[in-house]
């Protein structure tokens, strides 16, 4: 006896979602290259480059790695360790500056 019931194998997203994500990645990359083309200098240059980099990484994580549709626990599992590492790096940097100043004096 053959069962006629069907089951879902996985969630299928429309191709338009991926095309929109590709278009947005192209636009963000073009903006990143325009920072160099327009010869922006100083802190503004690095702030813009880092901003566009983080935007592209977030878009790739959300759409292409399907993180947008994951549970909150998985998101916390991915984002808490890098944030903790950045906090520890900042604390070590502050302590290194303190030690350097004390040794100089």
PDB file of N, CA and C in Angstrom:
ATOM      1  N   UNK A   1       0.850  -1.171   0.000  1.00  0.00           N
ATOM      2  CA  UNK A   1       0.000   0.000   0.000  1.00  0.00           C
ATOM      3  C   UNK A   1       0.895   1.234   0.000  1.00  0.00           C
ATOM      4  N   UNK A   2       0.663   2.099  -0.947  1.00  0.00           N
ATOM      5  CA  UNK A   2       1.477   3.304  -1.109  1.00  0.00           C
ATOM      6  C   UNK A   2       0.788   4.493  -0.450  1.00  0.00           C
ATOM      7  N   UNK A   3       1.555   5.243   0.309  1.00  0.00           N
ATOM      8  CA  UNK A   3       1.005   6.405   0.992  1.00  0.00           C
ATOM      9  C   UNK A   3       0.968   7.593   0.041  1.00  0.00           C
ATOM     10  N   UNK A   4      -0.116   8.310   0.060  1.00  0.00           N
ATOM     11  CA  UNK A   4      -0.249   9.481  -0.810  1.00  0.00           C
ATOM     12  C   UNK A   4       0.034  10.772  -0.071  1.00  0.00           C
ATOM     13  N   UNK A   5       0.417  10.665   1.173  1.00  0.00           N
ATOM     14  CA  UNK A   5       0.724  11.866   1.935  1.00  0.00           C
ATOM     15  C   UNK A   5       2.089  12.412   1.523  1.00  0.00           C
ATOM     16  N   UNK A   6       2.174  13.706   1.499  1.00  0.00           N
ATOM     17  CA  UNK A   6       3.457  14.355   1.192  1.00  0.00           C
ATOM     18  C   UNK A   6       3.940  15.097   2.417  1.00  0.00           C
ATOM     19  N   UNK A   7       5.227  15.241   2.502  1.00  0.00           N
ATOM     20  CA  UNK A   7       5.801  15.984   3.617  1.00  0.00           C
ATOM     21  C   UNK A   7       6.773  17.020   3.065  1.00  0.00           C
ATOM     22  N   UNK A   8       6.929  18.056   3.839  1.00  0.00           N
ATOM     23  CA  UNK A   8       7.840  19.125   3.423  1.00  0.00           C
ATOM     24  C   UNK A   8       9.272  18.710   3.704  1.00  0.00           C
ATOM     25  N   UNK A   9      10.124  18.876   2.723  1.00  0.00           N
ATOM     26  CA  UNK A   9      11.535  18.564   2.896  1.00  0.00           C
ATOM     27  C   UNK A   9      12.267  19.769   3.459  1.00  0.00           C
ATOM     28  N   UNK A  10      11.952  20.925   2.974  1.00  0.00           N
ATOM     29  CA  UNK A  10      12.589  22.150   3.442  1.00  0.00           C
ATOM     30  C   UNK A  10      11.800  23.356   2.989  1.00  0.00           C
ATOM     31  N   UNK A  11      12.186  24.473   3.507  1.00  0.00           N
ATOM     32  CA  UNK A  11      11.520  25.711   3.143  1.00  0.00           C
ATOM     33  C   UNK A  11      12.107  26.227   1.842  1.00  0.00           C
ATOM     34  N   UNK A  12      11.255  26.628   0.924  1.00  0.00           N
ATOM     35  CA  UNK A  12      11.704  27.129  -0.374  1.00  0.00           C
ATOM     36  C   UNK A  12      11.400  28.620  -0.434  1.00  0.00           C
ATOM     37  N   UNK A  13      12.417  29.389  -0.768  1.00  0.00           N
ATOM     38  CA  UNK A  13      12.257  30.833  -0.871  1.00  0.00           C
ATOM     39  C   UNK A  13      12.165  31.218  -2.344  1.00  0.00           C
ATOM     40  N   UNK A  14      11.442  32.270  -2.641  1.00  0.00           N
ATOM     41  CA  UNK A  14      11.320  32.675  -4.051  1.00  0.00           C
ATOM     42  C   UNK A  14      12.649  33.184  -4.603  1.00  0.00           C
ATOM     43  N   UNK A  15      12.852  32.967  -5.890  1.00  0.00           N
ATOM     44  CA  UNK A  15      14.096  33.394  -6.540  1.00  0.00           C
ATOM     45  C   UNK A  15      14.231  34.918  -6.514  1.00  0.00           C
ATOM     46  N   UNK A  16      13.108  35.631  -6.444  1.00  0.00           N
ATOM     47  CA  UNK A  16      13.175  37.093  -6.417  1.00  0.00           C
ATOM     48  C   UNK A  16      13.892  37.601  -5.171  1.00  0.00           C
ATOM     49  N   UNK A  17      13.779  36.873  -4.065  1.00  0.00           N
ATOM     50  CA  UNK A  17      14.486  37.255  -2.841  1.00  0.00           C
ATOM     51  C   UNK A  17      15.993  37.238  -3.065  1.00  0.00           C
ATOM     52  N   UNK A  18      16.490  36.189  -3.701  1.00  0.00           N
ATOM     53  CA  UNK A  18      17.925  36.069  -3.958  1.00  0.00           C
ATOM     54  C   UNK A  18      18.395  37.096  -4.986  1.00  0.00           C
ATOM     55  N   UNK A  19      17.577  37.380  -5.976  1.00  0.00           N
ATOM     56  CA  UNK A  19      17.947  38.387  -6.974  1.00  0.00           C
ATOM     57  C   UNK A  19      18.011  39.776  -6.355  1.00  0.00           C
ATOM     58  N   UNK A  20      17.082  40.069  -5.461  1.00  0.00           N
ATOM     59  CA  UNK A  20      17.115  41.358  -4.754  1.00  0.00           C
ATOM     60  C   UNK A  20      18.346  41.458  -3.861  1.00  0.00           C
ATOM     61  N   UNK A  21      18.691  40.354  -3.214  1.00  0.00           N
ATOM     62  CA  UNK A  21      19.884  40.351  -2.364  1.00  0.00           C
ATOM     63  C   UNK A  21      21.139  40.562  -3.211  1.00  0.00           C
ATOM     64  N   UNK A  22      21.221  39.917  -4.372  1.00  0.00           N
ATOM     65  CA  UNK A  22      22.371  40.109  -5.269  1.00  0.00           C
ATOM     66  C   UNK A  22      22.451  41.549  -5.740  1.00  0.00           C
ATOM     67  N   UNK A  23      21.303  42.125  -6.073  1.00  0.00           N
ATOM     68  CA  UNK A  23      21.290  43.529  -6.521  1.00  0.00           C
ATOM     69  C   UNK A  23      21.756  44.446  -5.396  1.00  0.00           C
ATOM     70  N   UNK A  24      21.292  44.200  -4.191  1.00  0.00           N
ATOM     71  CA  UNK A  24      21.710  45.032  -3.063  1.00  0.00           C
ATOM     72  C   UNK A  24      23.201  44.853  -2.764  1.00  0.00           C
ATOM     73  N   UNK A  25      23.713  43.630  -2.881  1.00  0.00           N
ATOM     74  CA  UNK A  25      25.148  43.410  -2.715  1.00  0.00           C
ATOM     75  C   UNK A  25      25.952  44.156  -3.776  1.00  0.00           C
ATOM     76  N   UNK A  26      25.448  44.169  -5.002  1.00  0.00           N
ATOM     77  CA  UNK A  26      26.119  44.906  -6.073  1.00  0.00           C
ATOM     78  C   UNK A  26      26.139  46.399  -5.772  1.00  0.00           C
ATOM     79  N   UNK A  27      25.023  46.929  -5.304  1.00  0.00           N
ATOM     80  CA  UNK A  27      24.942  48.359  -4.987  1.00  0.00           C
ATOM     81  C   UNK A  27      25.877  48.709  -3.834  1.00  0.00           C
ATOM     82  N   UNK A  28      25.897  47.871  -2.786  1.00  0.00           N
ATOM     83  CA  UNK A  28      26.791  48.128  -1.653  1.00  0.00           C
ATOM     84  C   UNK A  28      28.257  48.034  -2.060  1.00  0.00           C
ATOM     85  N   UNK A  29      28.589  47.094  -2.943  1.00  0.00           N
ATOM     86  CA  UNK A  29      29.968  46.994  -3.429  1.00  0.00           C
ATOM     87  C   UNK A  29      30.340  48.212  -4.267  1.00  0.00           C
ATOM     88  N   UNK A  30      29.410  48.672  -5.093  1.00  0.00           N
ATOM     89  CA  UNK A  30      29.668  49.870  -5.897  1.00  0.00           C
ATOM     90  C   UNK A  30      29.894  51.080  -4.994  1.00  0.00           C
ATOM     91  N   UNK A  31      29.112  51.190  -3.932  1.00  0.00           N
ATOM     92  CA  UNK A  31      29.307  52.299  -2.987  1.00  0.00           C
ATOM     93  C   UNK A  31      30.668  52.192  -2.301  1.00  0.00           C
ATOM     94  N   UNK A  32      31.075  50.970  -1.975  1.00  0.00           N
ATOM     95  CA  UNK A  32      32.373  50.772  -1.352  1.00  0.00           C
ATOM     96  C   UNK A  32      33.502  51.183  -2.295  1.00  0.00           C
ATOM     97  N   UNK A  33      33.378  50.822  -3.576  1.00  0.00           N
ATOM     98  CA  UNK A  33      34.397  51.216  -4.548  1.00  0.00           C
ATOM     99  C   UNK A  33      34.383  52.720  -4.814  1.00  0.00           C
ATOM    100  N   UNK A  34      33.217  53.344  -4.693  1.00  0.00           N
ATOM    101  CA  UNK A  34      33.124  54.789  -4.904  1.00  0.00           C
ATOM    102  C   UNK A  34      33.878  55.561  -3.824  1.00  0.00           C
ATOM    103  N   UNK A  35      33.999  54.977  -2.640  1.00  0.00           N
ATOM    104  CA  UNK A  35      34.776  55.616  -1.576  1.00  0.00           C
ATOM    105  C   UNK A  35      36.222  55.793  -2.048  1.00  0.00           C
ATOM    106  N   UNK A  36      36.774  54.757  -2.693  1.00  0.00           N
ATOM    107  CA  UNK A  36      38.140  54.861  -3.220  1.00  0.00           C
ATOM    108  C   UNK A  36      38.196  55.761  -4.448  1.00  0.00           C
ATOM    109  N   UNK A  37      37.195  55.640  -5.318  1.00  0.00           N
ATOM    110  CA  UNK A  37      37.190  56.428  -6.553  1.00  0.00           C
ATOM    111  C   UNK A  37      37.098  57.920  -6.266  1.00  0.00           C
ATOM    112  N   UNK A  38      36.302  58.282  -5.268  1.00  0.00           N
ATOM    113  CA  UNK A  38      36.140  59.691  -4.897  1.00  0.00           C
ATOM    114  C   UNK A  38      37.285  60.180  -4.018  1.00  0.00           C
ATOM    115  N   UNK A  39      38.217  59.295  -3.672  1.00  0.00           N
ATOM    116  CA  UNK A  39      39.408  59.607  -2.892  1.00  0.00           C
ATOM    117  C   UNK A  39      39.068  60.228  -1.531  1.00  0.00           C
ATOM    118  N   UNK A  40      38.103  59.605  -0.867  1.00  0.00           N
ATOM    119  CA  UNK A  40      37.773  60.013   0.501  1.00  0.00           C
ATOM    120  C   UNK A  40      38.930  59.592   1.394  1.00  0.00           C
ATOM    121  N   UNK A  41      39.350  60.460   2.303  1.00  0.00           N
ATOM    122  CA  UNK A  41      40.515  60.195   3.141  1.00  0.00           C
ATOM    123  C   UNK A  41      40.157  60.296   4.616  1.00  0.00           C
ATOM    124  N   UNK A  42      41.016  59.758   5.442  1.00  0.00           N
ATOM    125  CA  UNK A  42      40.891  59.901   6.889  1.00  0.00           C
ATOM    126  C   UNK A  42      39.915  58.922   7.510  1.00  0.00           C
ATOM    127  N   UNK A  43      39.374  59.327   8.644  1.00  0.00           N
ATOM    128  CA  UNK A  43      38.459  58.470   9.388  1.00  0.00           C
ATOM    129  C   UNK A  43      37.155  58.231   8.644  1.00  0.00           C
ATOM    130  N   UNK A  44      36.725  59.194   7.846  1.00  0.00           N
ATOM    131  CA  UNK A  44      35.501  59.015   7.074  1.00  0.00           C
ATOM    132  C   UNK A  44      35.643  57.849   6.100  1.00  0.00           C
ATOM    133  N   UNK A  45      36.802  57.725   5.475  1.00  0.00           N
ATOM    134  CA  UNK A  45      37.052  56.622   4.539  1.00  0.00           C
ATOM    135  C   UNK A  45      36.892  55.277   5.238  1.00  0.00           C
ATOM    136  N   UNK A  46      37.559  55.129   6.391  1.00  0.00           N
ATOM    137  CA  UNK A  46      37.508  53.855   7.092  1.00  0.00           C
ATOM    138  C   UNK A  46      36.124  53.588   7.659  1.00  0.00           C
ATOM    139  N   UNK A  47      35.445  54.621   8.106  1.00  0.00           N
ATOM    140  CA  UNK A  47      34.088  54.439   8.622  1.00  0.00           C
ATOM    141  C   UNK A  47      33.152  53.971   7.512  1.00  0.00           C
ATOM    142  N   UNK A  48      33.261  54.567   6.324  1.00  0.00           N
ATOM    143  CA  UNK A  48      32.410  54.162   5.210  1.00  0.00           C
ATOM    144  C   UNK A  48      32.730  52.749   4.737  1.00  0.00           C
ATOM    145  N   UNK A  49      34.009  52.427   4.635  1.00  0.00           N
ATOM    146  CA  UNK A  49      34.387  51.086   4.191  1.00  0.00           C
ATOM    147  C   UNK A  49      33.891  50.037   5.183  1.00  0.00           C
ATOM    148  N   UNK A  50      34.069  50.286   6.480  1.00  0.00           N
ATOM    149  CA  UNK A  50      33.594  49.340   7.487  1.00  0.00           C
ATOM    150  C   UNK A  50      32.073  49.246   7.503  1.00  0.00           C
ATOM    151  N   UNK A  51      31.397  50.362   7.297  1.00  0.00           N
ATOM    152  CA  UNK A  51      29.938  50.350   7.246  1.00  0.00           C
ATOM    153  C   UNK A  51      29.440  49.482   6.095  1.00  0.00           C
ATOM    154  N   UNK A  52      29.989  49.682   4.900  1.00  0.00           N
ATOM    155  CA  UNK A  52      29.559  48.891   3.756  1.00  0.00           C
ATOM    156  C   UNK A  52      29.928  47.416   3.932  1.00  0.00           C
ATOM    157  N   UNK A  53      31.072  47.148   4.552  1.00  0.00           N
ATOM    158  CA  UNK A  53      31.496  45.772   4.798  1.00  0.00           C
ATOM    159  C   UNK A  53      30.522  45.069   5.746  1.00  0.00           C
ATOM    160  N   UNK A  54      30.140  45.735   6.819  1.00  0.00           N
ATOM    161  CA  UNK A  54      29.224  45.140   7.784  1.00  0.00           C
ATOM    162  C   UNK A  54      27.840  44.950   7.161  1.00  0.00           C
ATOM    163  N   UNK A  55      27.398  45.890   6.349  1.00  0.00           N
ATOM    164  CA  UNK A  55      26.102  45.764   5.680  1.00  0.00           C
ATOM    165  C   UNK A  55      26.092  44.561   4.740  1.00  0.00           C
ATOM    166  N   UNK A  56      27.161  44.384   3.967  1.00  0.00           N
ATOM    167  CA  UNK A  56      27.226  43.235   3.052  1.00  0.00           C
ATOM    168  C   UNK A  56      27.291  41.924   3.821  1.00  0.00           C
ATOM    169  N   UNK A  57      28.084  41.877   4.891  1.00  0.00           N
ATOM    170  CA  UNK A  57      28.179  40.658   5.694  1.00  0.00           C
ATOM    171  C   UNK A  57      26.835  40.318   6.331  1.00  0.00           C
ATOM    172  N   UNK A  58      26.135  41.309   6.826  1.00  0.00           N
ATOM    173  CA  UNK A  58      24.823  41.073   7.422  1.00  0.00           C
ATOM    174  C   UNK A  58      23.805  40.571   6.413  1.00  0.00           C
ATOM    175  N   UNK A  59      23.854  41.122   5.214  1.00  0.00           N
ATOM    176  CA  UNK A  59      22.945  40.673   4.159  1.00  0.00           C
ATOM    177  C   UNK A  59      23.234  39.231   3.760  1.00  0.00           C
ATOM    178  N   UNK A  60      24.511  38.887   3.647  1.00  0.00           N
ATOM    179  CA  UNK A  60      24.885  37.515   3.300  1.00  0.00           C
ATOM    180  C   UNK A  60      24.457  36.556   4.403  1.00  0.00           C
ATOM    181  N   UNK A  61      24.678  36.945   5.661  1.00  0.00           N
ATOM    182  CA  UNK A  61      24.249  36.090   6.780  1.00  0.00           C
ATOM    183  C   UNK A  61      22.739  35.904   6.793  1.00  0.00           C
ATOM    184  N   UNK A  62      22.004  36.973   6.593  1.00  0.00           N
ATOM    185  CA  UNK A  62      20.555  36.911   6.710  1.00  0.00           C
ATOM    186  C   UNK A  62      19.917  36.126   5.574  1.00  0.00           C
ATOM    187  N   UNK A  63      20.343  36.378   4.338  1.00  0.00           N
ATOM    188  CA  UNK A  63      19.646  35.787   3.199  1.00  0.00           C
ATOM    189  C   UNK A  63      20.293  34.488   2.751  1.00  0.00           C
ATOM    190  N   UNK A  64      21.574  34.522   2.422  1.00  0.00           N
ATOM    191  CA  UNK A  64      22.200  33.358   1.812  1.00  0.00           C
ATOM    192  C   UNK A  64      22.531  32.252   2.814  1.00  0.00           C
ATOM    193  N   UNK A  65      22.760  32.617   4.068  1.00  0.00           N
ATOM    194  CA  UNK A  65      23.003  31.595   5.090  1.00  0.00           C
ATOM    195  C   UNK A  65      21.727  31.294   5.874  1.00  0.00           C
ATOM    196  N   UNK A  66      20.602  31.870   5.444  1.00  0.00           N
ATOM    197  CA  UNK A  66      19.268  31.618   5.993  1.00  0.00           C
ATOM    198  C   UNK A  66      19.175  31.904   7.487  1.00  0.00           C
ATOM    199  N   UNK A  67      19.999  32.827   7.972  1.00  0.00           N
ATOM    200  CA  UNK A  67      19.959  33.162   9.390  1.00  0.00           C
ATOM    201  C   UNK A  67      18.705  33.958   9.740  1.00  0.00           C
ATOM    202  N   UNK A  68      18.129  34.605   8.772  1.00  0.00           N
ATOM    203  CA  UNK A  68      16.921  35.388   8.988  1.00  0.00           C
ATOM    204  C   UNK A  68      15.753  34.507   9.429  1.00  0.00           C
ATOM    205  N   UNK A  69      15.776  33.238   9.047  1.00  0.00           N
ATOM    206  CA  UNK A  69      14.679  32.334   9.355  1.00  0.00           C
ATOM    207  C   UNK A  69      15.016  31.364  10.480  1.00  0.00           C
ATOM    208  N   UNK A  70      16.138  31.557  11.128  1.00  0.00           N
ATOM    209  CA  UNK A  70      16.528  30.681  12.231  1.00  0.00           C
ATOM    210  C   UNK A  70      15.909  31.159  13.543  1.00  0.00           C
ATOM    211  N   UNK A  71      15.977  30.290  14.519  1.00  0.00           N
ATOM    212  CA  UNK A  71      15.472  30.642  15.837  1.00  0.00           C
ATOM    213  C   UNK A  71      16.420  31.618  16.525  1.00  0.00           C
ATOM    214  N   UNK A  72      15.894  32.288  17.547  1.00  0.00           N
ATOM    215  CA  UNK A  72      16.667  33.284  18.283  1.00  0.00           C
ATOM    216  C   UNK A  72      17.877  32.662  18.972  1.00  0.00           C
ATOM    217  N   UNK A  73      17.751  31.417  19.434  1.00  0.00           N
ATOM    218  CA  UNK A  73      18.852  30.748  20.129  1.00  0.00           C
ATOM    219  C   UNK A  73      20.050  30.565  19.204  1.00  0.00           C
ATOM    220  N   UNK A  74      19.801  30.249  17.945  1.00  0.00           N
ATOM    221  CA  UNK A  74      20.897  30.074  16.985  1.00  0.00           C
ATOM    222  C   UNK A  74      21.581  31.412  16.724  1.00  0.00           C
ATOM    223  N   UNK A  75      20.807  32.467  16.638  1.00  0.00           N
ATOM    224  CA  UNK A  75      21.385  33.798  16.429  1.00  0.00           C
ATOM    225  C   UNK A  75      22.272  34.187  17.605  1.00  0.00           C
ATOM    226  N   UNK A  76      21.809  33.915  18.821  1.00  0.00           N
ATOM    227  CA  UNK A  76      22.629  34.215  20.001  1.00  0.00           C
ATOM    228  C   UNK A  76      23.906  33.386  20.007  1.00  0.00           C
ATOM    229  N   UNK A  77      23.793  32.138  19.602  1.00  0.00           N
ATOM    230  CA  UNK A  77      24.951  31.252  19.559  1.00  0.00           C
ATOM    231  C   UNK A  77      26.009  31.776  18.593  1.00  0.00           C
ATOM    232  N   UNK A  78      25.584  32.426  17.527  1.00  0.00           N
ATOM    233  CA  UNK A  78      26.524  32.949  16.535  1.00  0.00           C
ATOM    234  C   UNK A  78      27.089  34.313  16.900  1.00  0.00           C
ATOM    235  N   UNK A  79      26.314  35.149  17.574  1.00  0.00           N
ATOM    236  CA  UNK A  79      26.728  36.527  17.764  1.00  0.00           C
ATOM    237  C   UNK A  79      27.332  36.844  19.128  1.00  0.00           C
ATOM    238  N   UNK A  80      27.020  36.093  20.158  1.00  0.00           N
ATOM    239  CA  UNK A  80      27.548  36.402  21.491  1.00  0.00           C
ATOM    240  C   UNK A  80      29.062  36.182  21.582  1.00  0.00           C
ATOM    241  N   UNK A  81      29.631  35.075  21.078  1.00  0.00           N
ATOM    242  CA  UNK A  81      31.094  34.918  21.187  1.00  0.00           C
ATOM    243  C   UNK A  81      31.907  36.021  20.501  1.00  0.00           C
ATOM    244  N   UNK A  82      31.595  36.458  19.267  1.00  0.00           N
ATOM    245  CA  UNK A  82      32.384  37.556  18.702  1.00  0.00           C
ATOM    246  C   UNK A  82      32.253  38.861  19.487  1.00  0.00           C
ATOM    247  N   UNK A  83      31.070  39.121  20.017  1.00  0.00           N
ATOM    248  CA  UNK A  83      30.886  40.337  20.818  1.00  0.00           C
ATOM    249  C   UNK A  83      31.723  40.251  22.092  1.00  0.00           C
ATOM    250  N   UNK A  84      31.747  39.080  22.726  1.00  0.00           N
ATOM    251  CA  UNK A  84      32.568  38.897  23.938  1.00  0.00           C
ATOM    252  C   UNK A  84      34.049  39.057  23.616  1.00  0.00           C
ATOM    253  N   UNK A  85      34.485  38.533  22.480  1.00  0.00           N
ATOM    254  CA  UNK A  85      35.886  38.680  22.075  1.00  0.00           C
ATOM    255  C   UNK A  85      36.232  40.151  21.861  1.00  0.00           C
ATOM    256  N   UNK A  86      35.343  40.905  21.221  1.00  0.00           N
ATOM    257  CA  UNK A  86      35.594  42.341  21.018  1.00  0.00           C
ATOM    258  C   UNK A  86      35.672  43.087  22.352  1.00  0.00           C
ATOM    259  N   UNK A  87      34.840  42.701  23.303  1.00  0.00           N
ATOM    260  CA  UNK A  87      34.895  43.337  24.625  1.00  0.00           C
ATOM    261  C   UNK A  87      36.226  43.033  25.306  1.00  0.00           C
ATOM    262  N   UNK A  88      36.668  41.772  25.231  1.00  0.00           N
ATOM    263  CA  UNK A  88      37.948  41.409  25.842  1.00  0.00           C
ATOM    264  C   UNK A  88      39.120  42.107  25.153  1.00  0.00           C
ATOM    265  N   UNK A  89      39.073  42.243  23.839  1.00  0.00           N
ATOM    266  CA  UNK A  89      40.135  42.954  23.115  1.00  0.00           C
ATOM    267  C   UNK A  89      40.170  44.413  23.551  1.00  0.00           C
ATOM    268  N   UNK A  90      39.008  45.029  23.706  1.00  0.00           N
ATOM    269  CA  UNK A  90      38.949  46.423  24.156  1.00  0.00           C
ATOM    270  C   UNK A  90      39.524  46.569  25.559  1.00  0.00           C
ATOM    271  N   UNK A  91      39.164  45.659  26.443  1.00  0.00           N
ATOM    272  CA  UNK A  91      39.702  45.718  27.807  1.00  0.00           C
ATOM    273  C   UNK A  91      41.219  45.533  27.822  1.00  0.00           C
ATOM    274  N   UNK A  92      41.731  44.617  27.004  1.00  0.00           N
ATOM    275  CA  UNK A  92      43.186  44.415  26.932  1.00  0.00           C
ATOM    276  C   UNK A  92      43.883  45.637  26.356  1.00  0.00           C
ATOM    277  N   UNK A  93      43.246  46.299  25.403  1.00  0.00           N
ATOM    278  CA  UNK A  93      43.818  47.501  24.820  1.00  0.00           C
ATOM    279  C   UNK A  93      43.897  48.617  25.860  1.00  0.00           C
ATOM    280  N   UNK A  94      42.862  48.764  26.649  1.00  0.00           N
ATOM    281  CA  UNK A  94      42.862  49.785  27.707  1.00  0.00           C
ATOM    282  C   UNK A  94      43.960  49.482  28.730  1.00  0.00           C
ATOM    283  N   UNK A  95      44.072  48.210  29.119  1.00  0.00           N
ATOM    284  CA  UNK A  95      45.102  47.838  30.083  1.00  0.00           C
ATOM    285  C   UNK A  95      46.503  48.023  29.511  1.00  0.00           C
ATOM    286  N   UNK A  96      46.682  47.719  28.227  1.00  0.00           N
ATOM    287  CA  UNK A  96      47.995  47.894  27.600  1.00  0.00           C
ATOM    288  C   UNK A  96      48.386  49.366  27.584  1.00  0.00           C
ATOM    289  N   UNK A  97      47.432  50.255  27.315  1.00  0.00           N
ATOM    290  CA  UNK A  97      47.718  51.683  27.351  1.00  0.00           C
ATOM    291  C   UNK A  97      48.088  52.156  28.740  1.00  0.00           C
ATOM    292  N   UNK A  98      47.394  51.624  29.747  1.00  0.00           N
ATOM    293  CA  UNK A  98      47.698  51.966  31.132  1.00  0.00           C
ATOM    294  C   UNK A  98      49.107  51.512  31.514  1.00  0.00           C
ATOM    295  N   UNK A  99      49.469  50.290  31.152  1.00  0.00           N
ATOM    296  CA  UNK A  99      50.813  49.759  31.463  1.00  0.00           C
ATOM    297  C   UNK A  99      51.878  50.554  30.719  1.00  0.00           C
ATOM    298  N   UNK A 100      51.629  50.897  29.466  1.00  0.00           N
ATOM    299  CA  UNK A 100      52.587  51.666  28.679  1.00  0.00           C
ATOM    300  C   UNK A 100      52.839  53.035  29.294  1.00  0.00           C
ATOM    301  N   UNK A 101      51.765  53.705  29.714  1.00  0.00           N
ATOM    302  CA  UNK A 101      51.915  55.023  30.326  1.00  0.00           C
ATOM    303  C   UNK A 101      52.678  54.930  31.646  1.00  0.00           C
ATOM    304  N   UNK A 102      52.382  53.918  32.472  1.00  0.00           N
ATOM    305  CA  UNK A 102      53.093  53.756  33.742  1.00  0.00           C
ATOM    306  C   UNK A 102      54.562  53.436  33.544  1.00  0.00           C
ATOM    307  N   UNK A 103      54.895  52.651  32.545  1.00  0.00           N
ATOM    308  CA  UNK A 103      56.291  52.335  32.276  1.00  0.00           C
ATOM    309  C   UNK A 103      57.029  53.544  31.727  1.00  0.00           C
ATOM    310  N   UNK A 104      56.332  54.350  30.964  1.00  0.00           N
ATOM    311  CA  UNK A 104      56.957  55.560  30.404  1.00  0.00           C
ATOM    312  C   UNK A 104      57.274  56.563  31.491  1.00  0.00           C
ATOM    313  N   UNK A 105      56.357  56.704  32.446  1.00  0.00           N
ATOM    314  CA  UNK A 105      56.540  57.652  33.535  1.00  0.00           C
ATOM    315  C   UNK A 105      57.581  57.131  34.511  1.00  0.00           C
TER     316      UNK A 105
END
